[in-house]
């Protein structure tokens, strides 16, 4: 029993050769298919990297906005502390007014 793909010649089984044009068509098809697969995979990898980069950029920008808000809150709190510690506010406090005033005032500056 011999398949159609083989020819029996002088007691030997010889496979039938396919024409060169068919081999060329198969090779061209394999090349095109391989190139398409490479292009599709490269596109997918590019899109994934691009979207990850955009996500990181968005989260960095969001964190910068939060940092700016916290810095602003810190400045406001420092301003409130300075205002609460000012001598004008301390002198208006009822507890301080009940204290005995010193005869000589000496102010020290931090260097």
C-alpha atoms as a PDB file:
ATOM      1  CA  UNK A   1       0.000   0.000   0.000  1.00  0.00           C
ATOM      2  CA  UNK A   2       1.573   3.178  -1.186  1.00  0.00           C
ATOM      3  CA  UNK A   3       0.156   6.652  -0.672  1.00  0.00           C
ATOM      4  CA  UNK A   4      -0.356   8.904  -3.611  1.00  0.00           C
ATOM      5  CA  UNK A   5       2.543  11.009  -2.420  1.00  0.00           C
ATOM      6  CA  UNK A   6       5.061   8.244  -3.153  1.00  0.00           C
ATOM      7  CA  UNK A   7       6.132   6.570  -6.394  1.00  0.00           C
ATOM      8  CA  UNK A   8       7.548   3.071  -6.544  1.00  0.00           C
ATOM      9  CA  UNK A   9      10.539   2.996  -8.893  1.00  0.00           C
ATOM     10  CA  UNK A  10      12.974   0.112  -9.224  1.00  0.00           C
ATOM     11  CA  UNK A  11      11.990  -1.309  -5.898  1.00  0.00           C
ATOM     12  CA  UNK A  12      12.529   1.967  -4.065  1.00  0.00           C
ATOM     13  CA  UNK A  13       9.864   4.251  -2.707  1.00  0.00           C
ATOM     14  CA  UNK A  14      10.577   7.813  -3.803  1.00  0.00           C
ATOM     15  CA  UNK A  15       8.507  10.729  -2.474  1.00  0.00           C
ATOM     16  CA  UNK A  16       6.850  12.904  -5.089  1.00  0.00           C
ATOM     17  CA  UNK A  17       8.526  16.286  -5.304  1.00  0.00           C
ATOM     18  CA  UNK A  18       6.366  19.353  -5.127  1.00  0.00           C
ATOM     19  CA  UNK A  19       6.912  22.013  -7.733  1.00  0.00           C
ATOM     20  CA  UNK A  20       9.151  24.945  -6.816  1.00  0.00           C
ATOM     21  CA  UNK A  21       6.303  27.440  -7.292  1.00  0.00           C
ATOM     22  CA  UNK A  22       4.270  25.713  -4.572  1.00  0.00           C
ATOM     23  CA  UNK A  23       7.278  25.742  -2.217  1.00  0.00           C
ATOM     24  CA  UNK A  24       7.771  29.455  -2.924  1.00  0.00           C
ATOM     25  CA  UNK A  25       4.089  30.158  -2.204  1.00  0.00           C
ATOM     26  CA  UNK A  26       4.313  28.237   1.076  1.00  0.00           C
ATOM     27  CA  UNK A  27       7.452  30.150   2.056  1.00  0.00           C
ATOM     28  CA  UNK A  28       5.878  33.499   1.185  1.00  0.00           C
ATOM     29  CA  UNK A  29       2.763  32.595   3.191  1.00  0.00           C
ATOM     30  CA  UNK A  30       4.903  31.549   6.188  1.00  0.00           C
ATOM     31  CA  UNK A  31       6.944  34.771   5.936  1.00  0.00           C
ATOM     32  CA  UNK A  32       3.852  36.994   5.750  1.00  0.00           C
ATOM     33  CA  UNK A  33       2.209  35.131   8.623  1.00  0.00           C
ATOM     34  CA  UNK A  34       5.361  35.443  10.753  1.00  0.00           C
ATOM     35  CA  UNK A  35       5.664  39.163   9.998  1.00  0.00           C
ATOM     36  CA  UNK A  36       1.997  39.744  10.871  1.00  0.00           C
ATOM     37  CA  UNK A  37       2.407  37.910  14.173  1.00  0.00           C
ATOM     38  CA  UNK A  38       5.516  39.957  15.004  1.00  0.00           C
ATOM     39  CA  UNK A  39       3.728  43.215  14.122  1.00  0.00           C
ATOM     40  CA  UNK A  40       0.675  42.310  16.209  1.00  0.00           C
ATOM     41  CA  UNK A  41       2.777  41.275  19.221  1.00  0.00           C
ATOM     42  CA  UNK A  42       4.908  44.411  18.950  1.00  0.00           C
ATOM     43  CA  UNK A  43       1.765  46.555  18.794  1.00  0.00           C
ATOM     44  CA  UNK A  44       0.296  44.860  21.857  1.00  0.00           C
ATOM     45  CA  UNK A  45       3.516  45.322  23.847  1.00  0.00           C
ATOM     46  CA  UNK A  46       3.701  48.989  22.782  1.00  0.00           C
ATOM     47  CA  UNK A  47       0.095  49.635  23.801  1.00  0.00           C
ATOM     48  CA  UNK A  48       0.593  47.944  27.170  1.00  0.00           C
ATOM     49  CA  UNK A  49       3.744  49.948  27.890  1.00  0.00           C
ATOM     50  CA  UNK A  50       2.085  53.147  26.746  1.00  0.00           C
ATOM     51  CA  UNK A  51      -0.955  52.621  28.965  1.00  0.00           C
ATOM     52  CA  UNK A  52       1.235  51.773  31.974  1.00  0.00           C
ATOM     53  CA  UNK A  53       3.256  54.914  31.372  1.00  0.00           C
ATOM     54  CA  UNK A  54       0.067  56.995  31.200  1.00  0.00           C
ATOM     55  CA  UNK A  55      -1.225  55.423  34.404  1.00  0.00           C
ATOM     56  CA  UNK A  56       2.033  56.178  36.222  1.00  0.00           C
ATOM     57  CA  UNK A  57       1.975  59.744  34.930  1.00  0.00           C
ATOM     58  CA  UNK A  58      -1.592  60.205  36.125  1.00  0.00           C
ATOM     59  CA  UNK A  59      -0.840  58.817  39.580  1.00  0.00           C
ATOM     60  CA  UNK A  60       2.310  60.969  39.867  1.00  0.00           C
ATOM     61  CA  UNK A  61       0.313  64.058  38.921  1.00  0.00           C
ATOM     62  CA  UNK A  62      -2.388  63.118  41.430  1.00  0.00           C
ATOM     63  CA  UNK A  63       0.218  62.667  44.176  1.00  0.00           C
ATOM     64  CA  UNK A  64       1.787  66.031  43.299  1.00  0.00           C
ATOM     65  CA  UNK A  65      -1.611  67.697  43.660  1.00  0.00           C
ATOM     66  CA  UNK A  66      -2.048  66.043  47.065  1.00  0.00           C
ATOM     67  CA  UNK A  67       1.440  67.161  48.089  1.00  0.00           C
ATOM     68  CA  UNK A  68       0.711  70.745  47.034  1.00  0.00           C
ATOM     69  CA  UNK A  69      -2.507  70.700  49.076  1.00  0.00           C
ATOM     70  CA  UNK A  70      -0.664  69.366  52.128  1.00  0.00           C
ATOM     71  CA  UNK A  71       2.061  71.987  51.760  1.00  0.00           C
ATOM     72  CA  UNK A  72      -0.607  74.692  51.603  1.00  0.00           C
ATOM     73  CA  UNK A  73      -2.319  73.286  54.706  1.00  0.00           C
ATOM     74  CA  UNK A  74       1.060  73.239  56.472  1.00  0.00           C
ATOM     75  CA  UNK A  75       1.627  76.884  55.607  1.00  0.00           C
ATOM     76  CA  UNK A  76      -1.816  77.799  56.907  1.00  0.00           C
ATOM     77  CA  UNK A  77      -1.161  75.934  60.169  1.00  0.00           C
ATOM     78  CA  UNK A  78       2.220  77.621  60.583  1.00  0.00           C
ATOM     79  CA  UNK A  79       0.547  80.976  60.021  1.00  0.00           C
ATOM     80  CA  UNK A  80      -2.055  80.148  62.686  1.00  0.00           C
ATOM     81  CA  UNK A  81       0.697  79.096  65.113  1.00  0.00           C
ATOM     82  CA  UNK A  82       2.621  82.297  64.507  1.00  0.00           C
ATOM     83  CA  UNK A  83      -0.524  84.339  64.978  1.00  0.00           C
ATOM     84  CA  UNK A  84      -1.392  82.500  68.199  1.00  0.00           C
ATOM     85  CA  UNK A  85       2.138  83.023  69.554  1.00  0.00           C
ATOM     86  CA  UNK A  86       2.303  86.693  68.666  1.00  0.00           C
ATOM     87  CA  UNK A  87       2.825  89.075  71.573  1.00  0.00           C
ATOM     88  CA  UNK A  88      -0.295  91.009  70.644  1.00  0.00           C
ATOM     89  CA  UNK A  89      -2.537  87.974  71.148  1.00  0.00           C
ATOM     90  CA  UNK A  90      -0.709  86.971  74.298  1.00  0.00           C
ATOM     91  CA  UNK A  91      -1.094  90.456  75.794  1.00  0.00           C
ATOM     92  CA  UNK A  92      -4.842  90.400  75.138  1.00  0.00           C
ATOM     93  CA  UNK A  93      -5.266  87.078  76.952  1.00  0.00           C
ATOM     94  CA  UNK A  94      -7.108  87.504  80.278  1.00  0.00           C
ATOM     95  CA  UNK A  95      -4.647  85.289  82.180  1.00  0.00           C
ATOM     96  CA  UNK A  96      -1.692  87.331  80.993  1.00  0.00           C
ATOM     97  CA  UNK A  97      -3.439  90.576  81.910  1.00  0.00           C
ATOM     98  CA  UNK A  98      -3.813  89.379  85.494  1.00  0.00           C
ATOM     99  CA  UNK A  99      -0.040  88.874  85.772  1.00  0.00           C
ATOM    100  CA  UNK A 100       2.261  91.484  87.228  1.00  0.00           C
ATOM    101  CA  UNK A 101       4.012  93.561  84.575  1.00  0.00           C
ATOM    102  CA  UNK A 102       7.828  93.653  84.748  1.00  0.00           C
ATOM    103  CA  UNK A 103       9.545  96.952  85.303  1.00  0.00           C
ATOM    104  CA  UNK A 104      12.167  96.466  82.573  1.00  0.00           C
ATOM    105  CA  UNK A 105      11.315  94.619  79.342  1.00  0.00           C
ATOM    106  CA  UNK A 106      14.165  92.792  77.616  1.00  0.00           C
ATOM    107  CA  UNK A 107      13.513  91.042  74.332  1.00  0.00           C
ATOM    108  CA  UNK A 108      15.911  88.399  73.025  1.00  0.00           C
ATOM    109  CA  UNK A 109      16.226  87.544  69.365  1.00  0.00           C
ATOM    110  CA  UNK A 110      17.161  84.148  68.041  1.00  0.00           C
ATOM    111  CA  UNK A 111      20.238  84.315  65.887  1.00  0.00           C
END
